[in-house]
Amino acid sequence: MPIITINQFEGRTIEQKRQVAKEITDSIVKIYEISADRVNIAFFDVPKHNAAKGGKLYIDQQL
């Protein structure tokens, strides 16, 4: 039973997560030849004040 973990910055909508979950599940079902109920996906939303790049928090970087 595959367990897919998605770490992403917060801000995605529930509808976006639904769409991503469906598309990933469909791909895994096709490639692994398993039923959809065996595919597990966990979304982890990371606040930008809890992540850094190049030694700086994302909230402190100019994008």
PDB file of N, CA and C in Angstrom:
ATOM      1  N   MET A   1       0.840  -1.162   0.000  1.00  0.00           N
ATOM      2  CA  MET A   1       0.000   0.000   0.000  1.00  0.00           C
ATOM      3  C   MET A   1       0.896   1.240   0.000  1.00  0.00           C
ATOM      4  N   PRO A   2       0.892   2.015  -1.085  1.00  0.00           N
ATOM      5  CA  PRO A   2       1.729   3.206  -1.152  1.00  0.00           C
ATOM      6  C   PRO A   2       1.237   4.300  -0.206  1.00  0.00           C
ATOM      7  N   ILE A   3       2.189   5.010   0.371  1.00  0.00           N
ATOM      8  CA  ILE A   3       1.897   6.184   1.185  1.00  0.00           C
ATOM      9  C   ILE A   3       2.676   7.340   0.569  1.00  0.00           C
ATOM     10  N   ILE A   4       1.962   8.301   0.021  1.00  0.00           N
ATOM     11  CA  ILE A   4       2.587   9.448  -0.626  1.00  0.00           C
ATOM     12  C   ILE A   4       2.465  10.634   0.319  1.00  0.00           C
ATOM     13  N   THR A   5       3.585  11.312   0.560  1.00  0.00           N
ATOM     14  CA  THR A   5       3.609  12.482   1.425  1.00  0.00           C
ATOM     15  C   THR A   5       3.892  13.710   0.578  1.00  0.00           C
ATOM     16  N   ILE A   6       3.066  14.728   0.740  1.00  0.00           N
ATOM     17  CA  ILE A   6       3.250  15.976   0.011  1.00  0.00           C
ATOM     18  C   ILE A   6       3.483  17.083   1.029  1.00  0.00           C
ATOM     19  N   ASN A   7       4.697  17.622   1.028  1.00  0.00           N
ATOM     20  CA  ASN A   7       5.028  18.776   1.862  1.00  0.00           C
ATOM     21  C   ASN A   7       4.963  20.001   0.966  1.00  0.00           C
ATOM     22  N   GLN A   8       4.185  20.983   1.378  1.00  0.00           N
ATOM     23  CA  GLN A   8       4.017  22.175   0.553  1.00  0.00           C
ATOM     24  C   GLN A   8       3.776  23.373   1.453  1.00  0.00           C
ATOM     25  N   PHE A   9       4.044  24.552   0.904  1.00  0.00           N
ATOM     26  CA  PHE A   9       3.719  25.753   1.662  1.00  0.00           C
ATOM     27  C   PHE A   9       2.212  25.891   1.759  1.00  0.00           C
ATOM     28  N   GLU A  10       1.761  26.409   2.880  1.00  0.00           N
ATOM     29  CA  GLU A  10       0.330  26.595   3.077  1.00  0.00           C
ATOM     30  C   GLU A  10      -0.223  27.571   2.043  1.00  0.00           C
ATOM     31  N   GLY A  11      -1.521  27.448   1.801  1.00  0.00           N
ATOM     32  CA  GLY A  11      -2.165  28.367   0.873  1.00  0.00           C
ATOM     33  C   GLY A  11      -2.929  27.687  -0.248  1.00  0.00           C
ATOM     34  N   ARG A  12      -2.744  26.391  -0.410  1.00  0.00           N
ATOM     35  CA  ARG A  12      -3.496  25.670  -1.431  1.00  0.00           C
ATOM     36  C   ARG A  12      -4.931  25.466  -0.939  1.00  0.00           C
ATOM     37  N   THR A  13      -5.863  25.493  -1.862  1.00  0.00           N
ATOM     38  CA  THR A  13      -7.268  25.311  -1.486  1.00  0.00           C
ATOM     39  C   THR A  13      -7.583  23.822  -1.332  1.00  0.00           C
ATOM     40  N   ILE A  14      -8.696  23.550  -0.673  1.00  0.00           N
ATOM     41  CA  ILE A  14      -9.164  22.169  -0.538  1.00  0.00           C
ATOM     42  C   ILE A  14      -9.415  21.574  -1.921  1.00  0.00           C
ATOM     43  N   GLU A  15      -9.985  22.359  -2.818  1.00  0.00           N
ATOM     44  CA  GLU A  15     -10.261  21.861  -4.170  1.00  0.00           C
ATOM     45  C   GLU A  15      -8.964  21.496  -4.897  1.00  0.00           C
ATOM     46  N   GLN A  16      -7.914  22.290  -4.739  1.00  0.00           N
ATOM     47  CA  GLN A  16      -6.621  21.956  -5.349  1.00  0.00           C
ATOM     48  C   GLN A  16      -6.085  20.649  -4.781  1.00  0.00           C
ATOM     49  N   LYS A  17      -6.213  20.467  -3.479  1.00  0.00           N
ATOM     50  CA  LYS A  17      -5.744  19.231  -2.854  1.00  0.00           C
ATOM     51  C   LYS A  17      -6.557  18.032  -3.336  1.00  0.00           C
ATOM     52  N   ARG A  18      -7.852  18.220  -3.495  1.00  0.00           N
ATOM     53  CA  ARG A  18      -8.693  17.137  -4.038  1.00  0.00           C
ATOM     54  C   ARG A  18      -8.220  16.726  -5.426  1.00  0.00           C
ATOM     55  N   GLN A  19      -7.958  17.728  -6.255  1.00  0.00           N
ATOM     56  CA  GLN A  19      -7.531  17.448  -7.629  1.00  0.00           C
ATOM     57  C   GLN A  19      -6.176  16.739  -7.650  1.00  0.00           C
ATOM     58  N   VAL A  20      -5.240  17.212  -6.845  1.00  0.00           N
ATOM     59  CA  VAL A  20      -3.922  16.576  -6.772  1.00  0.00           C
ATOM     60  C   VAL A  20      -4.062  15.140  -6.270  1.00  0.00           C
ATOM     61  N   ALA A  21      -4.866  14.937  -5.228  1.00  0.00           N
ATOM     62  CA  ALA A  21      -5.062  13.589  -4.679  1.00  0.00           C
ATOM     63  C   ALA A  21      -5.632  12.650  -5.737  1.00  0.00           C
ATOM     64  N   LYS A  22      -6.607  13.128  -6.500  1.00  0.00           N
ATOM     65  CA  LYS A  22      -7.215  12.290  -7.531  1.00  0.00           C
ATOM     66  C   LYS A  22      -6.218  11.945  -8.629  1.00  0.00           C
ATOM     67  N   GLU A  23      -5.482  12.937  -9.105  1.00  0.00           N
ATOM     68  CA  GLU A  23      -4.545  12.703 -10.212  1.00  0.00           C
ATOM     69  C   GLU A  23      -3.407  11.766  -9.791  1.00  0.00           C
ATOM     70  N   ILE A  24      -2.877  11.974  -8.590  1.00  0.00           N
ATOM     71  CA  ILE A  24      -1.811  11.094  -8.108  1.00  0.00           C
ATOM     72  C   ILE A  24      -2.350   9.679  -7.915  1.00  0.00           C
ATOM     73  N   THR A  25      -3.517   9.567  -7.307  1.00  0.00           N
ATOM     74  CA  THR A  25      -4.124   8.248  -7.101  1.00  0.00           C
ATOM     75  C   THR A  25      -4.349   7.541  -8.427  1.00  0.00           C
ATOM     76  N   ASP A  26      -4.896   8.252  -9.411  1.00  0.00           N
ATOM     77  CA  ASP A  26      -5.130   7.652 -10.730  1.00  0.00           C
ATOM     78  C   ASP A  26      -3.833   7.119 -11.341  1.00  0.00           C
ATOM     79  N   SER A  27      -2.757   7.880 -11.213  1.00  0.00           N
ATOM     80  CA  SER A  27      -1.464   7.443 -11.762  1.00  0.00           C
ATOM     81  C   SER A  27      -0.928   6.209 -11.048  1.00  0.00           C
ATOM     82  N   ILE A  28      -0.990   6.216  -9.722  1.00  0.00           N
ATOM     83  CA  ILE A  28      -0.503   5.074  -8.944  1.00  0.00           C
ATOM     84  C   ILE A  28      -1.321   3.824  -9.265  1.00  0.00           C
ATOM     85  N   VAL A  29      -2.645   3.970  -9.348  1.00  0.00           N
ATOM     86  CA  VAL A  29      -3.525   2.838  -9.672  1.00  0.00           C
ATOM     87  C   VAL A  29      -3.138   2.240 -11.017  1.00  0.00           C
ATOM     88  N   LYS A  30      -2.916   3.083 -11.996  1.00  0.00           N
ATOM     89  CA  LYS A  30      -2.571   2.611 -13.342  1.00  0.00           C
ATOM     90  C   LYS A  30      -1.205   1.922 -13.367  1.00  0.00           C
ATOM     91  N   ILE A  31      -0.211   2.550 -12.768  1.00  0.00           N
ATOM     92  CA  ILE A  31       1.161   2.032 -12.844  1.00  0.00           C
ATOM     93  C   ILE A  31       1.354   0.807 -11.950  1.00  0.00           C
ATOM     94  N   TYR A  32       0.829   0.847 -10.727  1.00  0.00           N
ATOM     95  CA  TYR A  32       1.023  -0.257  -9.783  1.00  0.00           C
ATOM     96  C   TYR A  32      -0.020  -1.355  -9.933  1.00  0.00           C
ATOM     97  N   GLU A  33      -1.052  -1.069 -10.709  1.00  0.00           N
ATOM     98  CA  GLU A  33      -2.146  -2.025 -10.913  1.00  0.00           C
ATOM     99  C   GLU A  33      -2.763  -2.462  -9.582  1.00  0.00           C
ATOM    100  N   ILE A  34      -3.155  -1.466  -8.800  1.00  0.00           N
ATOM    101  CA  ILE A  34      -3.816  -1.704  -7.515  1.00  0.00           C
ATOM    102  C   ILE A  34      -5.109  -0.895  -7.482  1.00  0.00           C
ATOM    103  N   SER A  35      -5.943  -1.155  -6.487  1.00  0.00           N
ATOM    104  CA  SER A  35      -7.185  -0.392  -6.364  1.00  0.00           C
ATOM    105  C   SER A  35      -6.920   0.941  -5.661  1.00  0.00           C
ATOM    106  N   ALA A  36      -7.758   1.910  -5.961  1.00  0.00           N
ATOM    107  CA  ALA A  36      -7.585   3.262  -5.427  1.00  0.00           C
ATOM    108  C   ALA A  36      -7.642   3.296  -3.903  1.00  0.00           C
ATOM    109  N   ASP A  37      -8.394   2.402  -3.292  1.00  0.00           N
ATOM    110  CA  ASP A  37      -8.510   2.428  -1.833  1.00  0.00           C
ATOM    111  C   ASP A  37      -7.236   1.987  -1.120  1.00  0.00           C
ATOM    112  N   ARG A  38      -6.244   1.558  -1.867  1.00  0.00           N
ATOM    113  CA  ARG A  38      -4.960   1.183  -1.263  1.00  0.00           C
ATOM    114  C   ARG A  38      -3.959   2.331  -1.295  1.00  0.00           C
ATOM    115  N   VAL A  39      -4.296   3.423  -1.968  1.00  0.00           N
ATOM    116  CA  VAL A  39      -3.384   4.566  -2.115  1.00  0.00           C
ATOM    117  C   VAL A  39      -3.676   5.574  -1.004  1.00  0.00           C
ATOM    118  N   ASN A  40      -2.634   5.915  -0.254  1.00  0.00           N
ATOM    119  CA  ASN A  40      -2.746   6.882   0.839  1.00  0.00           C
ATOM    120  C   ASN A  40      -1.914   8.109   0.510  1.00  0.00           C
ATOM    121  N   ILE A  41      -2.504   9.278   0.708  1.00  0.00           N
ATOM    122  CA  ILE A  41      -1.800  10.534   0.455  1.00  0.00           C
ATOM    123  C   ILE A  41      -1.972  11.419   1.680  1.00  0.00           C
ATOM    124  N   ALA A  42      -0.866  11.990   2.156  1.00  0.00           N
ATOM    125  CA  ALA A  42      -0.906  12.913   3.288  1.00  0.00           C
ATOM    126  C   ALA A  42      -0.352  14.260   2.845  1.00  0.00           C
ATOM    127  N   PHE A  43      -1.125  15.310   3.075  1.00  0.00           N
ATOM    128  CA  PHE A  43      -0.687  16.673   2.776  1.00  0.00           C
ATOM    129  C   PHE A  43      -0.209  17.321   4.070  1.00  0.00           C
ATOM    130  N   PHE A  44       0.951  17.928   4.020  1.00  0.00           N
ATOM    131  CA  PHE A  44       1.477  18.675   5.153  1.00  0.00           C
ATOM    132  C   PHE A  44       1.730  20.098   4.691  1.00  0.00           C
ATOM    133  N   ASP A  45       0.967  21.033   5.247  1.00  0.00           N
ATOM    134  CA  ASP A  45       1.110  22.440   4.891  1.00  0.00           C
ATOM    135  C   ASP A  45       2.108  23.095   5.833  1.00  0.00           C
ATOM    136  N   VAL A  46       3.151  23.651   5.257  1.00  0.00           N
ATOM    137  CA  VAL A  46       4.234  24.239   6.025  1.00  0.00           C
ATOM    138  C   VAL A  46       4.107  25.765   5.988  1.00  0.00           C
ATOM    139  N   PRO A  47       3.979  26.413   7.144  1.00  0.00           N
ATOM    140  CA  PRO A  47       3.978  27.871   7.154  1.00  0.00           C
ATOM    141  C   PRO A  47       5.353  28.397   6.731  1.00  0.00           C
ATOM    142  N   LYS A  48       5.366  29.518   6.027  1.00  0.00           N
ATOM    143  CA  LYS A  48       6.640  30.052   5.535  1.00  0.00           C
ATOM    144  C   LYS A  48       7.575  30.479   6.662  1.00  0.00           C
ATOM    145  N   HIS A  49       7.052  30.689   7.853  1.00  0.00           N
ATOM    146  CA  HIS A  49       7.935  31.020   8.973  1.00  0.00           C
ATOM    147  C   HIS A  49       8.576  29.768   9.576  1.00  0.00           C
ATOM    148  N   ASN A  50       8.225  28.586   9.062  1.00  0.00           N
ATOM    149  CA  ASN A  50       8.809  27.327   9.528  1.00  0.00           C
ATOM    150  C   ASN A  50       9.721  26.681   8.501  1.00  0.00           C
ATOM    151  N   ALA A  51      10.138  27.443   7.489  1.00  0.00           N
ATOM    152  CA  ALA A  51      11.016  26.888   6.455  1.00  0.00           C
ATOM    153  C   ALA A  51      12.013  27.955   6.021  1.00  0.00           C
ATOM    154  N   ALA A  52      13.184  27.490   5.622  1.00  0.00           N
ATOM    155  CA  ALA A  52      14.230  28.422   5.211  1.00  0.00           C
ATOM    156  C   ALA A  52      14.917  27.927   3.952  1.00  0.00           C
ATOM    157  N   LYS A  53      15.504  28.861   3.243  1.00  0.00           N
ATOM    158  CA  LYS A  53      16.316  28.550   2.067  1.00  0.00           C
ATOM    159  C   LYS A  53      17.499  29.505   2.090  1.00  0.00           C
ATOM    160  N   GLY A  54      18.676  28.967   1.894  1.00  0.00           N
ATOM    161  CA  GLY A  54      19.867  29.811   1.889  1.00  0.00           C
ATOM    162  C   GLY A  54      20.111  30.504   3.220  1.00  0.00           C
ATOM    163  N   GLY A  55      19.667  29.889   4.301  1.00  0.00           N
ATOM    164  CA  GLY A  55      19.899  30.449   5.629  1.00  0.00           C
ATOM    165  C   GLY A  55      18.905  31.513   6.045  1.00  0.00           C
ATOM    166  N   LYS A  56      17.891  31.780   5.222  1.00  0.00           N
ATOM    167  CA  LYS A  56      16.888  32.789   5.550  1.00  0.00           C
ATOM    168  C   LYS A  56      15.501  32.159   5.530  1.00  0.00           C
ATOM    169  N   LEU A  57      14.696  32.543   6.519  1.00  0.00           N
ATOM    170  CA  LEU A  57      13.310  32.096   6.504  1.00  0.00           C
ATOM    171  C   LEU A  57      12.626  32.609   5.243  1.00  0.00           C
ATOM    172  N   TYR A  58      11.721  31.831   4.717  1.00  0.00           N
ATOM    173  CA  TYR A  58      11.000  32.242   3.507  1.00  0.00           C
ATOM    174  C   TYR A  58      10.254  33.555   3.711  1.00  0.00           C
ATOM    175  N   ILE A  59       9.741  33.797   4.912  1.00  0.00           N
ATOM    176  CA  ILE A  59       9.012  35.046   5.143  1.00  0.00           C
ATOM    177  C   ILE A  59       9.937  36.255   5.107  1.00  0.00           C
ATOM    178  N   ASP A  60      11.249  36.038   5.239  1.00  0.00           N
ATOM    179  CA  ASP A  60      12.214  37.137   5.214  1.00  0.00           C
ATOM    180  C   ASP A  60      12.835  37.348   3.837  1.00  0.00           C
ATOM    181  N   GLN A  61      12.496  36.509   2.894  1.00  0.00           N
ATOM    182  CA  GLN A  61      13.074  36.615   1.556  1.00  0.00           C
ATOM    183  C   GLN A  61      12.156  37.403   0.646  1.00  0.00           C
ATOM    184  N   GLN A  62      12.754  38.174  -0.240  1.00  0.00           N
ATOM    185  CA  GLN A  62      11.963  38.863  -1.256  1.00  0.00           C
ATOM    186  C   GLN A  62      11.747  37.906  -2.402  1.00  0.00           C
ATOM    187  N   LEU A  63      10.513  37.748  -2.805  1.00  0.00           N
ATOM    188  CA  LEU A  63      10.191  36.831  -3.902  1.00  0.00           C
ATOM    189  C   LEU A  63       9.971  37.591  -5.179  1.00  0.00           C
TER     190      LEU A  63
END
